[in-house]
Protein backbone atom coordinates (compact mmCIF):
# COMPACT_ATOMS: atom_id res chain seq x y z
CA UNK A 1 -27.33 54.39 39.13
CA UNK A 2 -25.38 54.50 42.40
CA UNK A 3 -23.61 51.46 43.78
CA UNK A 4 -22.80 50.36 47.28
CA UNK A 5 -21.46 47.62 49.51
CA UNK A 6 -22.79 45.68 52.47
CA UNK A 7 -20.47 44.06 55.02
CA UNK A 8 -21.09 41.87 58.01
CA UNK A 9 -19.49 43.41 61.08
CA UNK A 10 -17.04 40.54 61.40
CA UNK A 11 -14.40 38.77 59.34
CA UNK A 12 -12.47 41.15 57.08
CA UNK A 13 -14.74 44.02 58.15
CA UNK A 14 -14.24 43.14 61.81
CA UNK A 15 -10.52 43.96 62.02
CA UNK A 16 -9.33 47.59 62.20
CA UNK A 17 -6.60 47.50 59.56
CA UNK A 18 -8.61 45.57 56.99
CA UNK A 19 -11.80 47.57 57.65
CA UNK A 20 -9.90 50.80 57.06
CA UNK A 21 -8.28 49.40 53.92
CA UNK A 22 -11.51 48.20 52.31
CA UNK A 23 -13.35 51.42 53.17
CA UNK A 24 -10.62 53.49 51.54
CA UNK A 25 -10.49 51.14 48.53
CA UNK A 26 -14.27 51.41 48.10
CA UNK A 27 -14.06 55.18 48.16
CA UNK A 28 -11.28 55.30 45.57
CA UNK A 29 -13.22 52.94 43.30
CA UNK A 30 -16.26 55.22 43.38
CA UNK A 31 -18.75 53.26 45.45
CA UNK A 32 -21.49 55.50 46.84
CA UNK A 33 -22.45 53.53 49.98
CA UNK A 34 -20.56 51.56 52.62
CA UNK A 35 -23.00 49.56 54.73
CA UNK A 36 -22.56 47.39 57.81
CA UNK A 37 -24.97 44.94 59.44
CA UNK A 38 -26.35 45.00 62.98
CA UNK A 39 -26.01 42.34 65.65
CA UNK A 40 -25.14 43.54 69.13
CA UNK A 41 -25.08 40.03 70.55
CA UNK A 42 -26.24 36.61 69.35
CA UNK A 43 -28.35 34.41 71.60
CA UNK A 44 -26.95 30.96 72.28
CA UNK A 45 -30.36 29.38 71.69
CA UNK A 46 -32.27 30.73 68.69
CA UNK A 47 -35.65 29.39 67.65
CA UNK A 48 -36.43 32.36 65.39
CA UNK A 49 -36.16 31.56 61.69
CA UNK A 50 -33.57 33.51 59.71
CA UNK A 51 -35.52 34.86 56.70
CA UNK A 52 -32.70 34.75 54.17
CA UNK A 53 -31.98 31.04 54.05
CA UNK A 54 -34.07 28.08 52.94
CA UNK A 55 -33.46 26.28 56.24
CA UNK A 56 -34.02 29.26 58.54
CA UNK A 57 -30.57 28.71 60.07
CA UNK A 58 -28.63 31.88 60.91
CA UNK A 59 -25.14 31.63 59.41
CA UNK A 60 -23.43 33.84 62.03
CA UNK A 61 -24.57 31.93 65.08
CA UNK A 62 -21.31 30.00 65.12
CA UNK A 63 -19.24 32.46 67.20
CA UNK A 64 -21.45 35.46 67.89
CA UNK A 65 -18.66 37.76 66.68
CA UNK A 66 -19.99 41.14 65.56
CA UNK A 67 -18.81 44.71 65.99
CA UNK A 68 -21.41 47.21 67.15
CA UNK A 69 -22.70 48.70 63.93
CA UNK A 70 -22.84 52.44 64.57
CA UNK A 71 -19.52 52.50 66.42
CA UNK A 72 -17.89 50.64 63.51
CA UNK A 73 -19.32 53.13 61.02
CA UNK A 74 -17.82 55.98 63.04
CA UNK A 75 -14.43 54.31 62.50
CA UNK A 76 -15.15 54.11 58.75
CA UNK A 77 -16.14 57.78 58.79
CA UNK A 78 -12.75 58.75 60.22
CA UNK A 79 -10.95 56.74 57.53
CA UNK A 80 -12.83 58.21 54.56
CA UNK A 81 -13.91 61.57 53.16
CA UNK A 82 -16.65 61.10 50.57
CA UNK A 83 -18.32 57.68 50.65
CA UNK A 84 -21.73 57.57 52.30
CA UNK A 85 -22.16 55.41 55.39
CA UNK A 86 -25.17 53.13 55.73
CA UNK A 87 -26.69 51.15 58.57
CA UNK A 88 -27.57 48.04 56.60
CA UNK A 89 -29.83 47.80 58.48
CA UNK A 90 -30.15 49.03 62.06
CA UNK A 91 -32.56 46.78 63.95
CA UNK A 92 -34.73 49.40 65.60
CA UNK A 93 -35.79 47.40 68.69
CA UNK A 94 -32.13 46.82 69.67
CA UNK A 95 -31.64 50.31 71.16
CA UNK A 96 -33.57 52.89 73.13
CA UNK A 97 -34.92 55.30 70.49
CA UNK A 98 -33.40 58.47 71.99
CA UNK A 99 -30.00 56.82 72.34
CA UNK A 100 -30.18 55.42 68.79
CA UNK A 101 -31.13 58.84 67.42
CA UNK A 102 -28.14 60.37 69.21
CA UNK A 103 -25.72 57.68 68.02
CA UNK A 104 -26.82 58.19 64.42
CA UNK A 105 -26.74 61.98 64.71
CA UNK A 106 -23.22 61.84 66.19
CA UNK A 107 -21.87 59.82 63.26
CA UNK A 108 -23.59 62.17 60.82
CA UNK A 109 -21.96 65.19 62.47
CA UNK A 110 -18.53 63.58 62.59
CA UNK A 111 -18.78 62.40 58.97
CA UNK A 112 -19.98 65.85 57.82
CA UNK A 113 -23.37 64.63 56.69
CA UNK A 114 -22.62 61.26 55.13
CA UNK A 115 -24.89 58.84 57.02
CA UNK A 116 -28.02 57.13 55.73
CA UNK A 117 -30.11 55.28 58.31
CA UNK A 118 -31.21 51.95 56.93
CA UNK A 119 -33.68 50.51 59.43
CA UNK A 120 -35.67 47.34 60.01
CA UNK A 121 -37.84 45.70 62.65
CA UNK A 122 -35.63 42.64 63.18
CA UNK A 123 -36.23 38.91 63.02
CA UNK A 124 -34.46 37.40 66.05
CA UNK A 125 -36.84 37.50 69.00
CA UNK A 126 -34.17 36.20 71.38
CA UNK A 127 -31.73 39.02 70.59
CA UNK A 128 -34.37 41.71 71.01
CA UNK A 129 -35.38 40.23 74.37
CA UNK A 130 -31.79 40.06 75.62
CA UNK A 131 -31.33 43.74 74.74
CA UNK A 132 -34.46 44.79 76.63
CA UNK A 133 -36.43 45.73 73.53
CA UNK A 134 -40.21 45.83 73.12
CA UNK A 135 -42.18 42.58 72.96
CA UNK A 136 -41.40 40.81 69.70
CA UNK A 137 -45.05 40.85 68.61
CA UNK A 138 -45.08 44.64 69.00
CA UNK A 139 -41.79 45.36 67.23
CA UNK A 140 -43.43 46.76 64.08
CA UNK A 141 -45.56 49.29 65.97
CA UNK A 142 -42.60 50.19 68.15
CA UNK A 143 -40.39 50.68 65.09
CA UNK A 144 -42.90 53.08 63.54
CA UNK A 145 -42.74 55.16 66.72
CA UNK A 146 -38.94 55.01 66.74
CA UNK A 147 -38.73 56.39 63.20
CA UNK A 148 -41.14 59.19 64.05
CA UNK A 149 -39.12 59.87 67.19
CA UNK A 150 -35.88 60.06 65.22
CA UNK A 151 -37.31 62.69 62.90
CA UNK A 152 -38.67 64.71 65.81
CA UNK A 153 -35.35 64.61 67.67
CA UNK A 154 -33.32 65.43 64.57
CA UNK A 155 -35.37 68.46 63.50
CA UNK A 156 -37.38 69.98 66.38
CA UNK A 157 -35.86 72.56 68.69
CA UNK A 158 -38.00 71.30 71.58
CA UNK A 159 -38.63 67.64 70.74
CA UNK A 160 -41.79 66.06 72.11
CA UNK A 161 -43.34 62.68 71.39
CA UNK A 162 -46.08 60.81 73.17
CA UNK A 163 -46.15 57.14 72.31
CA UNK A 164 -46.41 53.72 73.82
CA UNK A 165 -42.85 52.77 72.89
CA UNK A 166 -41.09 56.09 72.20
CA UNK A 167 -42.05 58.97 74.46
CA UNK A 168 -39.97 62.00 75.48
CA UNK A 169 -40.33 65.62 76.58
CA UNK A 170 -38.37 68.25 78.49
CA UNK A 171 -35.05 67.58 76.77
CA UNK A 172 -32.49 69.26 74.57
CA UNK A 173 -31.18 67.20 71.68
CA UNK A 174 -28.04 68.64 70.14
CA UNK A 175 -26.14 68.71 67.96
CA UNK A 176 -28.63 68.04 65.24
CA UNK A 177 -27.46 65.97 62.26
CA UNK A 178 -25.27 67.76 59.72
CA UNK A 179 -27.92 67.05 57.08
CA UNK A 180 -30.46 69.86 57.59
CA UNK A 181 -33.55 67.67 57.19
CA UNK A 182 -32.10 64.90 59.30
CA UNK A 183 -30.78 61.59 58.05
CA UNK A 184 -32.40 59.89 55.07
CA UNK A 185 -34.22 56.80 56.33
CA UNK A 186 -34.24 53.71 54.12
CA UNK A 187 -36.74 51.14 55.32
CA UNK A 188 -35.51 47.58 54.89
CA UNK A 189 -37.62 44.48 54.56
CA UNK A 190 -39.60 42.54 52.01
CA UNK A 191 -42.90 41.94 53.82
CA UNK A 192 -46.09 43.84 53.04
CA UNK A 193 -45.71 45.61 56.39
CA UNK A 194 -42.19 46.71 55.49
CA UNK A 195 -43.38 48.03 52.14
CA UNK A 196 -46.16 49.99 53.81
CA UNK A 197 -43.65 51.37 56.34
CA UNK A 198 -41.35 52.51 53.54
CA UNK A 199 -44.27 54.19 51.79
CA UNK A 200 -45.49 56.03 54.89
CA UNK A 201 -42.27 56.82 56.72
CA UNK A 202 -39.26 56.17 54.51
CA UNK A 203 -37.04 58.12 52.18
CA UNK A 204 -36.21 54.83 50.48
CA UNK A 205 -37.22 51.18 50.24
CA UNK A 206 -34.27 48.81 50.76
CA UNK A 207 -35.17 45.12 50.52
CA UNK A 208 -32.82 42.15 50.28
CA UNK A 209 -33.33 40.36 46.98
CA UNK A 210 -32.67 36.87 48.36
CA UNK A 211 -35.59 36.25 50.71
CA UNK A 212 -36.73 32.78 49.55
CA UNK A 213 -40.26 33.38 50.86
CA UNK A 214 -40.66 36.91 49.51
CA UNK A 215 -38.15 37.24 46.66
CA UNK A 216 -37.29 40.40 44.79
CA UNK A 217 -34.56 38.73 42.78
CA UNK A 218 -35.58 39.79 39.27
CA UNK A 219 -36.03 43.27 37.78
CA UNK A 220 -39.70 42.50 37.27
CA UNK A 221 -40.38 41.46 40.87
CA UNK A 222 -38.39 44.38 42.25
CA UNK A 223 -40.08 46.85 39.92
CA UNK A 224 -43.54 45.64 40.93
CA UNK A 225 -42.63 45.94 44.62
CA UNK A 226 -41.29 49.46 44.21
CA UNK A 227 -44.31 50.51 42.17
CA UNK A 228 -46.54 49.27 45.00
CA UNK A 229 -44.50 51.21 47.59
CA UNK A 230 -44.70 54.41 45.58
CA UNK A 231 -48.43 53.99 44.86
CA UNK A 232 -49.05 53.57 48.60
CA UNK A 233 -46.97 56.67 49.31
CA UNK A 234 -48.99 58.66 46.78
CA UNK A 235 -52.26 57.43 48.28
CA UNK A 236 -50.96 58.65 51.64
CA UNK A 237 -50.41 62.14 50.23
CA UNK A 238 -46.67 61.85 49.66
CA UNK A 239 -44.68 62.46 46.49
CA UNK A 240 -44.07 58.90 45.27
CA UNK A 241 -40.71 59.86 43.81
CA UNK A 242 -39.55 60.94 47.27
CA UNK A 243 -39.15 57.22 48.07
CA UNK A 244 -35.86 56.10 46.57
CA UNK A 245 -35.48 52.62 45.17
CA UNK A 246 -32.60 50.59 46.63
CA UNK A 247 -31.81 46.86 46.55
CA UNK A 248 -29.27 44.63 48.30
CA UNK A 249 -28.29 41.67 46.10
CA UNK A 250 -25.83 40.31 48.62
CA UNK A 251 -24.85 37.32 46.46
CA UNK A 252 -24.05 39.37 43.34
CA UNK A 253 -20.75 38.19 41.83
CA UNK A 254 -19.05 38.63 38.48
CA UNK A 255 -18.13 35.12 37.41
CA UNK A 256 -19.90 31.81 37.82
CA UNK A 257 -23.65 31.78 37.42
CA UNK A 258 -25.80 30.76 40.36
CA UNK A 259 -28.98 28.80 39.84
CA UNK A 260 -32.26 30.64 40.21
CA UNK A 261 -35.31 29.52 42.12
CA UNK A 262 -36.91 28.04 39.01
CA UNK A 263 -33.75 26.87 37.31
CA UNK A 264 -31.70 28.90 34.88
CA UNK A 265 -29.44 31.76 35.90
CA UNK A 266 -30.07 33.69 39.09
CA UNK A 267 -30.31 37.39 38.22
CA UNK A 268 -27.33 39.53 39.24
CA UNK A 269 -24.94 36.59 38.89
CA UNK A 270 -22.77 35.36 36.02
CA UNK A 271 -20.94 37.39 33.42
CA UNK A 272 -20.45 41.12 33.72
CA UNK A 273 -22.59 41.74 30.64
CA UNK A 274 -25.46 39.70 32.10
CA UNK A 275 -25.28 41.56 35.41
CA UNK A 276 -25.14 44.93 33.63
CA UNK A 277 -28.27 43.94 31.70
CA UNK A 278 -30.05 42.85 34.88
CA UNK A 279 -29.24 46.10 36.67
CA UNK A 280 -30.21 48.13 33.62
CA UNK A 281 -33.61 46.45 33.45
CA UNK A 282 -34.12 47.09 37.17
CA UNK A 283 -33.07 50.72 36.65
CA UNK A 284 -35.77 51.05 33.99
CA UNK A 285 -38.24 49.97 36.68
CA UNK A 286 -37.11 52.56 39.24
CA UNK A 287 -34.01 51.13 40.90
CA UNK A 288 -31.57 53.90 41.90
CA UNK A 289 -29.17 52.27 44.37
CA UNK A 290 -27.74 48.77 43.83
CA UNK A 291 -25.71 47.20 46.64
CA UNK A 292 -23.75 43.96 46.74
CA UNK A 293 -22.13 41.91 49.48
CA UNK A 294 -18.50 42.94 49.80
CA UNK A 295 -17.15 40.32 52.18
CA UNK A 296 -14.37 38.12 50.89
CA UNK A 297 -12.43 35.40 52.65
CA UNK A 298 -9.49 37.73 53.28
CA UNK A 299 -8.43 41.29 52.52
CA UNK A 300 -6.97 40.54 49.10
CA UNK A 301 -10.02 38.61 47.95
CA UNK A 302 -12.27 41.40 49.20
CA UNK A 303 -10.32 44.14 47.44
CA UNK A 304 -10.19 42.07 44.23
CA UNK A 305 -13.98 41.56 44.37
CA UNK A 306 -14.59 45.29 44.82
CA UNK A 307 -12.25 46.21 41.98
CA UNK A 308 -13.65 43.65 39.55
CA UNK A 309 -17.24 44.77 40.10
CA UNK A 310 -16.25 48.43 39.76
CA UNK A 311 -14.29 47.81 36.57
CA UNK A 312 -16.64 45.38 34.86
CA UNK A 313 -20.08 46.57 36.02
CA UNK A 314 -20.09 50.02 37.59
CA UNK A 315 -18.10 51.53 34.73
CA UNK A 316 -20.95 50.65 32.33
CA UNK A 317 -23.38 53.08 34.04
């Protein structure tokens, strides 16, 4: 089992000194992944429903503060030597596909092959429109073309793609990523479409456990979802084991139990022994990468949270 962290690109992770400190602390503690979220801007009027809250209200709409994700990860790359960097996740319609491919490739080169591209189709129609992305209703089809375009640009000596949303020819794309096969692509999302995308195009499936409408917040639910992804991959002629199993349980904390959807304890919360058992049962069902939310109220709280989880949970695997 490999463990990782997800940070919003604001707060403790939005200041240079604290971002450097927590990245270096995470590396020393043995975390495998350091992920950062993606909001380039936040619209002042948002009617789109945020999928990870019961109310649909987006928690970060208060100030709009957010570092640009890939640029921030390049800063983390310069401050670390071993920990893998993760876009958690990059919203594909936010950026022109050739530019996004180059940004990701650049960080991979500068980090000496440490970047994983977590990707998703996005949920905020207003943000995608403000950034000049494809029509919101077409974002899934566009995202499929973007992923295919990334792989073509990262590996082909004379990249060519003909598509409705990602088309290019007559260009040189260099340097290629430091990873010879290009960056691993983890497809985020909980919907059936996201699971199909992971099966067809991904090197990993990376849902968030806490989607109240499509939850994967127990080992059993996650295992069933991953089994479906891998069965779809196999039916499509792919090796099902080539799709890694990852999960972001952003609320995971060692300490007080949180209440689950049907009462009782919410999985991945409570005592260290309970969380270890939860992760172990998910591991038995195919989970390979378990990520938690790292953000604390300040630097000390964040570092304490990282250390406690590493000491009490990670050390048991």
